[in-house]
Amino acid sequence: MVCPVLNLAKQLVSIPSISPLDFGCQNVIASRLLNVGFNVMLFRNNDTNNLWAYHGIDGIKLSFAGHTDVVPAGDKNNWYMSQPFVPYVKNGYLFGRGSSDMKGSLAAMVVAAERFVTLYPHHPGQLSFLITSDEESDAVNGTIRIIEYLKFINFHINYCIIGEPTSKNIFGDTIKIGRRGSLHAHLFIYGKQGHIAYPQFSINPIHQIIPFLNELMLIKWSIGNSFFKPTSMQISNINSGLNSDNVTPEQLSLKFNFRFGTDILVKDIKKQVLFLLEKYNLNYSIKWKLSGMPFLTSSKILVNFIKNSLQKYGFINPTLSTSGGTSDGRFIKNISSEILEFGPINKTIHQVNECIKIRDLKFLSLVYEDVMKNILC
């Protein structure tokens, strides 16, 4: 039997939409939604394609969100058949870049919507889609632009499901009910260049920063709470010097990141870092970038709809989590009452030979369809 979810997933995977490019993925989705009566808006922001589509007008508003962009494929020679953008089915799995993150989820959403509106063409409430091609890159022209438009027209979402791959080991074992915030710091320490044999005539920023780094890494930033783990700090890059063996550098560049929950304020993180810089009398400048604030859905209405659907098909009771990186939920939270993320197993995302179990893909679409029926009918 031909599986419409698998066929659409294969069609989307075959498009090399490396972020932030879309290359027609959203046209495929738009065409299918138009065919079943959706109103569709396609708009471009710089190099990013965005889609907003809806079916129905009044009542409860349920949205599905996702992205058509994918990360680069890596070494093509390490992929099965050496073709990451040629969908490949083997042993019950669909292989290809984006199969799990997240073109499989998009296919499941779209087919679920097609079935739903065919059965209930005059359903109460509104079913909608928010889809971008700028989730895997800078995220400056994607979902955030759709949200700006929806805020402009005073549009509010009651329930939103983001199709990110959330399951860990077994399909349906994890639902993300929030995400940590992310704060980036780019620090510059300034010294004085000199001959390595005459340190008395130079100021070595590498030596100067070591006591600062030692204390920075030992700080317990927060203890966490019942929803979020303690705040973590990780250094991602240190760079200095002229690549010469006998010259001490004039400056040092350091990048580090904080992942934090609702138990600490951004201003308190910054205050502590600045205190340490002053404590060690460093000559510095620092640039901050807040990628997103933490968000949490405390209501369990949408969670319970998914739990009930999973139980209906014989799957385990899912764990509720806020782990992982940031997602576009950090933008959608500004206009949505409840947001959660639910999708396939994430073990192979961003890896060579990314794949999704075809059985899981089919059940994912059924769960999405159940949610549509239970919320809108």
Protein backbone atom coordinates (compact mmCIF):
# COMPACT_ATOMS: atom_id res chain seq x y z
CA MET A 1 0.00 0.00 0.00
CA VAL A 2 1.31 3.46 -0.91
CA CYS A 3 1.93 5.60 2.20
CA PRO A 4 1.20 9.30 1.55
CA VAL A 5 3.29 10.38 4.55
CA LEU A 6 6.35 8.48 3.33
CA ASN A 7 5.89 9.73 -0.23
CA LEU A 8 5.72 13.37 0.87
CA ALA A 9 8.69 12.93 3.21
CA LYS A 10 10.72 11.48 0.34
CA GLN A 11 9.71 14.37 -1.91
CA LEU A 12 10.83 16.93 0.68
CA VAL A 13 14.08 15.09 1.50
CA SER A 14 14.98 15.11 -2.19
CA ILE A 15 15.18 18.92 -2.13
CA PRO A 16 18.64 20.15 -0.96
CA SER A 17 17.27 22.98 1.19
CA ILE A 18 20.41 23.74 3.18
CA SER A 19 19.64 26.56 5.59
CA PRO A 20 18.43 29.20 4.99
CA LEU A 21 17.46 28.14 1.47
CA ASP A 22 14.13 26.46 0.77
CA PHE A 23 14.43 25.55 -2.92
CA GLY A 24 10.72 24.89 -3.32
CA CYS A 25 9.87 22.78 -0.26
CA GLN A 26 7.28 25.30 0.87
CA ASN A 27 5.77 25.42 -2.62
CA VAL A 28 5.16 21.68 -2.36
CA ILE A 29 3.50 22.10 1.02
CA ALA A 30 1.53 25.16 -0.06
CA SER A 31 0.15 23.35 -3.11
CA ARG A 32 -1.14 20.47 -1.01
CA LEU A 33 -2.70 22.75 1.58
CA LEU A 34 -4.36 24.87 -1.12
CA ASN A 35 -5.86 21.72 -2.61
CA VAL A 36 -7.78 21.01 0.60
CA GLY A 37 -8.99 24.57 1.14
CA PHE A 38 -6.31 26.29 3.20
CA ASN A 39 -5.59 29.98 2.81
CA VAL A 40 -1.85 30.25 2.20
CA MET A 41 0.61 33.12 2.43
CA LEU A 42 4.14 32.71 1.12
CA PHE A 43 6.51 35.56 1.85
CA ARG A 44 10.24 36.07 1.63
CA ASN A 45 12.45 37.87 4.10
CA ASN A 46 15.92 38.40 2.61
CA ASP A 47 17.17 34.86 1.84
CA THR A 48 14.49 33.12 3.92
CA ASN A 49 11.16 31.66 2.79
CA ASN A 50 8.23 31.66 5.19
CA LEU A 51 4.76 30.14 5.03
CA TRP A 52 1.62 30.97 6.97
CA ALA A 53 -1.50 28.93 6.18
CA TYR A 54 -4.85 28.48 7.91
CA HIS A 55 -8.15 26.64 7.56
CA GLY A 56 -11.25 27.88 9.39
CA ILE A 57 -11.73 31.17 11.17
CA ASP A 58 -13.52 31.33 14.53
CA GLY A 59 -12.96 29.45 17.77
CA ILE A 60 -9.96 27.64 19.21
CA LYS A 61 -6.76 28.09 17.23
CA LEU A 62 -4.37 25.14 16.82
CA SER A 63 -1.07 25.65 14.99
CA PHE A 64 1.66 23.33 13.78
CA ALA A 65 5.13 24.79 13.33
CA GLY A 66 8.26 23.59 11.60
CA HIS A 67 11.13 24.29 9.24
CA THR A 68 12.07 23.15 5.75
CA ASP A 69 15.78 23.99 6.04
CA VAL A 70 18.40 21.42 6.93
CA VAL A 71 22.04 21.42 8.01
CA PRO A 72 24.80 20.58 5.48
CA ALA A 73 25.14 16.92 4.56
CA GLY A 74 28.79 16.44 5.46
CA ASP A 75 30.98 14.06 3.47
CA LYS A 76 28.72 12.59 0.80
CA ASN A 77 30.98 9.55 0.48
CA ASN A 78 29.90 8.43 3.95
CA TRP A 79 26.21 8.34 3.07
CA TYR A 80 24.43 5.25 1.81
CA MET A 81 24.48 5.46 -1.99
CA SER A 82 26.60 8.66 -1.55
CA GLN A 83 23.48 10.78 -2.04
CA PRO A 84 22.18 12.53 1.11
CA PHE A 85 19.40 14.22 -0.89
CA VAL A 86 18.24 11.09 -2.66
CA PRO A 87 15.79 9.43 -0.24
CA TYR A 88 16.78 5.85 0.44
CA VAL A 89 14.58 3.20 2.10
CA LYS A 90 16.30 0.33 3.85
CA ASN A 91 15.14 -2.08 6.58
CA GLY A 92 12.07 -0.02 7.41
CA TYR A 93 13.91 3.32 7.62
CA LEU A 94 13.94 6.37 5.39
CA PHE A 95 17.46 7.75 5.04
CA GLY A 96 18.30 11.27 3.88
CA ARG A 97 19.26 14.67 5.19
CA GLY A 98 16.24 16.16 6.97
CA SER A 99 14.31 12.90 7.24
CA SER A 100 14.14 13.26 11.02
CA ASP A 101 14.91 16.96 11.44
CA MET A 102 12.34 17.78 10.37
CA LYS A 103 10.90 17.00 6.95
CA GLY A 104 9.41 13.78 8.26
CA SER A 105 7.40 15.74 10.81
CA LEU A 106 6.30 18.22 8.15
CA ALA A 107 5.05 15.39 5.97
CA ALA A 108 3.20 13.91 8.96
CA MET A 109 1.58 17.28 9.74
CA VAL A 110 0.49 18.01 6.19
CA VAL A 111 -1.01 14.57 5.54
CA ALA A 112 -2.76 14.67 8.92
CA ALA A 113 -4.25 18.06 7.99
CA GLU A 114 -5.36 16.75 4.59
CA ARG A 115 -7.18 13.83 6.20
CA PHE A 116 -8.68 16.02 8.91
CA VAL A 117 -10.14 18.76 6.72
CA THR A 118 -11.43 16.17 4.25
CA LEU A 119 -13.37 14.50 7.08
CA TYR A 120 -14.36 17.79 8.73
CA PRO A 121 -14.44 20.50 6.05
CA HIS A 122 -16.56 22.77 8.26
CA HIS A 123 -14.78 22.10 11.54
CA PRO A 124 -15.02 24.68 14.32
CA GLY A 125 -11.89 26.59 15.24
CA GLN A 126 -8.85 27.22 13.08
CA LEU A 127 -6.01 24.95 12.02
CA SER A 128 -2.82 26.67 10.89
CA PHE A 129 0.81 26.16 9.88
CA LEU A 130 3.91 28.29 10.57
CA ILE A 131 6.84 27.09 8.47
CA THR A 132 10.22 28.71 7.85
CA SER A 133 13.53 27.97 6.13
CA ASP A 134 15.65 29.79 8.74
CA GLU A 135 15.65 27.59 11.83
CA GLU A 136 19.00 25.85 11.43
CA SER A 137 20.97 29.04 10.74
CA ASP A 138 20.64 32.52 12.21
CA ALA A 139 16.87 32.44 12.81
CA VAL A 140 16.62 36.19 12.16
CA ASN A 141 14.35 36.15 9.11
CA GLY A 142 12.23 33.09 9.79
CA THR A 143 9.61 32.30 12.42
CA ILE A 144 10.27 35.58 14.17
CA ARG A 145 9.03 37.42 11.04
CA ILE A 146 5.87 35.31 10.87
CA ILE A 147 5.22 36.12 14.53
CA GLU A 148 5.72 39.84 13.87
CA TYR A 149 3.02 39.67 11.21
CA LEU A 150 0.64 37.70 13.44
CA LYS A 151 1.16 40.16 16.29
CA PHE A 152 0.42 42.99 13.86
CA ILE A 153 -2.98 41.47 13.02
CA ASN A 154 -3.60 40.66 16.72
CA PHE A 155 -3.59 36.91 16.12
CA HIS A 156 -3.36 34.63 19.15
CA ILE A 157 -2.70 30.88 19.16
CA ASN A 158 -4.29 28.68 21.82
CA TYR A 159 -2.23 25.57 21.14
CA CYS A 160 0.97 25.06 19.13
CA ILE A 161 2.86 21.86 18.32
CA ILE A 162 6.39 22.13 16.94
CA GLY A 163 7.46 19.00 15.07
CA GLU A 164 11.04 18.89 16.34
CA PRO A 165 12.49 15.39 16.85
CA THR A 166 11.99 14.96 20.60
CA SER A 167 11.89 11.20 21.14
CA LYS A 168 15.07 9.66 22.59
CA ASN A 169 14.99 5.89 22.34
CA ILE A 170 11.42 4.92 21.45
CA PHE A 171 8.91 6.92 19.45
CA GLY A 172 6.75 8.97 21.81
CA ASP A 173 8.97 8.65 24.89
CA THR A 174 9.56 12.41 25.27
CA ILE A 175 7.54 15.61 24.93
CA LYS A 176 9.32 18.94 25.24
CA ILE A 177 7.23 21.37 27.28
CA GLY A 178 9.79 24.17 27.23
CA ARG A 179 13.37 25.10 26.42
CA ARG A 180 16.26 26.75 28.22
CA GLY A 181 17.37 30.24 27.35
CA SER A 182 20.68 30.85 25.58
CA LEU A 183 23.07 33.73 26.26
CA HIS A 184 26.27 34.11 24.22
CA ALA A 185 29.31 36.14 25.28
CA HIS A 186 32.18 37.22 23.03
CA LEU A 187 34.98 38.54 25.22
CA PHE A 188 38.14 40.35 24.12
CA ILE A 189 41.11 40.67 26.48
CA TYR A 190 43.72 43.27 25.50
CA GLY A 191 47.42 43.05 26.29
CA LYS A 192 50.68 44.21 24.74
CA GLN A 193 52.50 42.27 22.02
CA GLY A 194 56.12 41.43 22.67
CA HIS A 195 59.05 39.07 22.25
CA ILE A 196 58.44 35.82 24.06
CA ALA A 197 61.94 35.95 25.61
CA TYR A 198 61.29 39.36 27.20
CA PRO A 199 57.98 39.01 29.05
CA GLN A 200 58.83 42.02 31.21
CA PHE A 201 58.19 44.26 28.21
CA SER A 202 54.82 42.79 27.21
CA ILE A 203 51.40 41.98 28.66
CA ASN A 204 50.29 38.47 27.77
CA PRO A 205 46.45 38.28 27.69
CA ILE A 206 46.61 34.47 27.73
CA HIS A 207 48.32 34.45 31.11
CA GLN A 208 46.02 37.19 32.37
CA ILE A 209 42.81 35.36 31.56
CA ILE A 210 43.68 32.03 33.20
CA PRO A 211 42.66 33.01 36.80
CA PHE A 212 39.43 34.49 35.40
CA LEU A 213 38.65 31.28 33.50
CA ASN A 214 39.40 29.09 36.50
CA GLU A 215 36.86 30.92 38.62
CA LEU A 216 34.35 31.26 35.78
CA MET A 217 34.28 27.48 35.32
CA LEU A 218 33.83 26.80 39.06
CA ILE A 219 30.80 29.04 39.57
CA LYS A 220 27.48 27.36 40.39
CA TRP A 221 25.24 29.69 38.44
CA SER A 222 21.92 28.29 39.61
CA ILE A 223 20.56 25.14 41.22
CA GLY A 224 17.75 24.58 38.73
CA ASN A 225 14.18 23.70 39.60
CA SER A 226 11.61 20.98 38.94
CA PHE A 227 11.47 21.90 35.25
CA PHE A 228 15.00 23.09 34.37
CA LYS A 229 18.47 21.75 35.08
CA PRO A 230 21.05 24.05 36.73
CA THR A 231 22.48 26.76 34.48
CA SER A 232 25.47 25.57 32.46
CA MET A 233 28.40 27.55 31.07
CA GLN A 234 30.53 26.21 28.23
CA ILE A 235 33.50 27.77 26.44
CA SER A 236 33.29 27.29 22.69
CA ASN A 237 36.30 29.14 21.30
CA ILE A 238 39.62 30.68 22.40
CA ASN A 239 41.83 32.42 19.86
CA SER A 240 44.92 34.64 20.08
CA GLY A 241 48.32 35.33 18.61
CA LEU A 242 49.99 35.69 15.25
CA ASN A 243 50.77 31.97 14.84
CA SER A 244 54.37 32.72 15.70
CA ASP A 245 56.47 30.79 18.21
CA ASN A 246 58.33 33.80 19.58
CA VAL A 247 55.62 36.48 19.90
CA THR A 248 53.17 36.95 22.75
CA PRO A 249 49.76 38.16 21.52
CA GLU A 250 48.26 41.60 21.74
CA GLN A 251 44.73 40.34 22.38
CA LEU A 252 42.69 37.23 23.08
CA SER A 253 39.20 36.35 21.86
CA LEU A 254 37.01 34.09 23.96
CA LYS A 255 33.48 32.83 23.26
CA PHE A 256 31.29 31.19 25.87
CA ASN A 257 27.62 30.38 26.31
CA PHE A 258 25.09 30.04 29.11
CA ARG A 259 22.06 27.74 28.96
CA PHE A 260 19.66 28.75 31.69
CA GLY A 261 16.17 28.13 33.01
CA THR A 262 13.60 30.21 34.82
CA ASP A 263 15.52 30.24 38.11
CA ILE A 264 18.06 32.90 37.11
CA LEU A 265 17.92 36.29 35.42
CA VAL A 266 20.05 37.32 32.44
CA LYS A 267 21.12 40.48 34.25
CA ASP A 268 22.47 38.39 37.15
CA ILE A 269 24.57 36.24 34.80
CA LYS A 270 26.03 39.33 33.17
CA LYS A 271 26.63 40.99 36.53
CA GLN A 272 28.65 38.02 37.79
CA VAL A 273 30.81 37.87 34.65
CA LEU A 274 31.54 41.59 34.78
CA PHE A 275 32.38 41.31 38.49
CA LEU A 276 35.04 38.68 37.71
CA LEU A 277 36.51 40.75 34.89
CA GLU A 278 36.92 43.68 37.24
CA LYS A 279 38.17 41.44 40.06
CA TYR A 280 41.12 40.30 37.93
CA ASN A 281 41.75 43.81 36.58
CA LEU A 282 41.42 42.76 32.94
CA ASN A 283 41.45 45.21 30.05
CA TYR A 284 38.45 43.95 28.12
CA SER A 285 35.42 44.52 25.95
CA ILE A 286 32.47 42.15 25.75
CA LYS A 287 29.57 41.59 23.37
CA TRP A 288 26.40 39.82 24.49
CA LYS A 289 23.85 38.03 22.33
CA LEU A 290 20.61 36.71 23.82
CA SER A 291 19.39 34.00 21.43
CA GLY A 292 16.26 33.26 23.40
CA MET A 293 14.64 33.35 26.81
CA PRO A 294 13.52 30.17 28.55
CA PHE A 295 9.89 29.21 28.14
CA LEU A 296 7.68 26.67 29.84
CA THR A 297 4.16 25.41 29.25
CA SER A 298 2.79 24.56 32.68
CA SER A 299 -0.71 23.64 31.48
CA LYS A 300 -1.13 19.96 30.60
CA ILE A 301 -4.12 20.20 28.24
CA LEU A 302 -2.14 19.75 25.02
CA VAL A 303 0.22 17.26 26.68
CA ASN A 304 -2.71 15.09 27.71
CA PHE A 305 -4.12 15.06 24.18
CA ILE A 306 -0.83 13.63 22.91
CA LYS A 307 -0.53 11.19 25.81
CA ASN A 308 -4.02 9.85 25.16
CA SER A 309 -3.27 9.41 21.47
CA LEU A 310 -0.01 7.56 22.19
CA GLN A 311 -1.79 5.23 24.60
CA LYS A 312 -4.44 4.60 21.96
CA TYR A 313 -1.74 3.22 19.65
CA GLY A 314 0.03 1.26 22.38
CA PHE A 315 3.01 3.54 23.06
CA ILE A 316 4.60 4.28 26.44
CA ASN A 317 3.76 7.19 28.70
CA PRO A 318 6.10 10.04 27.63
CA THR A 319 8.51 11.94 29.83
CA LEU A 320 8.11 15.73 29.95
CA SER A 321 11.39 17.54 29.28
CA THR A 322 12.98 20.95 28.70
CA SER A 323 16.37 19.57 27.61
CA GLY A 324 18.26 20.35 24.42
CA GLY A 325 19.08 23.55 22.63
CA THR A 326 16.85 26.41 21.61
CA SER A 327 13.93 26.10 19.20
CA ASP A 328 11.57 28.46 17.42
CA GLY A 329 9.25 28.05 20.36
CA ARG A 330 11.16 30.99 21.86
CA PHE A 331 9.45 33.20 19.27
CA ILE A 332 6.04 31.52 19.16
CA LYS A 333 5.65 31.81 22.95
CA ASN A 334 4.91 35.51 22.48
CA ILE A 335 1.54 34.76 20.85
CA SER A 336 0.66 31.26 22.08
CA SER A 337 -0.87 30.04 25.34
CA GLU A 338 0.49 26.50 25.15
CA ILE A 339 3.51 25.30 23.18
CA LEU A 340 5.09 21.89 23.09
CA GLU A 341 7.41 19.98 20.80
CA PHE A 342 6.70 16.44 19.73
CA GLY A 343 8.29 14.44 16.96
CA PRO A 344 10.38 11.41 15.96
CA ILE A 345 13.54 9.91 17.46
CA ASN A 346 16.46 12.36 17.42
CA LYS A 347 19.43 9.96 17.57
CA THR A 348 20.62 10.62 14.00
CA ILE A 349 19.77 14.29 13.53
CA HIS A 350 22.58 16.39 11.97
CA GLN A 351 24.55 13.16 11.43
CA VAL A 352 25.64 11.31 8.33
CA ASN A 353 22.95 8.77 7.38
CA GLU A 354 20.20 10.64 9.19
CA CYS A 355 17.09 8.49 9.19
CA ILE A 356 13.57 7.99 10.48
CA LYS A 357 11.68 4.78 11.09
CA ILE A 358 8.84 4.59 8.57
CA ARG A 359 6.54 3.01 11.16
CA ASP A 360 7.14 5.99 13.49
CA LEU A 361 6.47 8.39 10.63
CA LYS A 362 3.04 6.85 10.06
CA PHE A 363 2.13 6.89 13.75
CA LEU A 364 3.34 10.48 14.11
CA SER A 365 0.83 11.56 11.47
CA LEU A 366 -1.96 9.66 13.25
CA VAL A 367 -1.10 11.36 16.57
CA TYR A 368 -1.14 14.77 14.92
CA GLU A 369 -4.52 13.98 13.34
CA ASP A 370 -5.92 12.84 16.70
CA VAL A 371 -4.87 16.15 18.26
CA MET A 372 -6.64 18.05 15.48
CA LYS A 373 -9.84 16.07 16.05
CA ASN A 374 -9.76 16.34 19.85
CA ILE A 375 -9.07 20.06 19.95
CA LEU A 376 -11.08 21.35 17.01
CA CYS A 377 -14.09 18.99 16.94
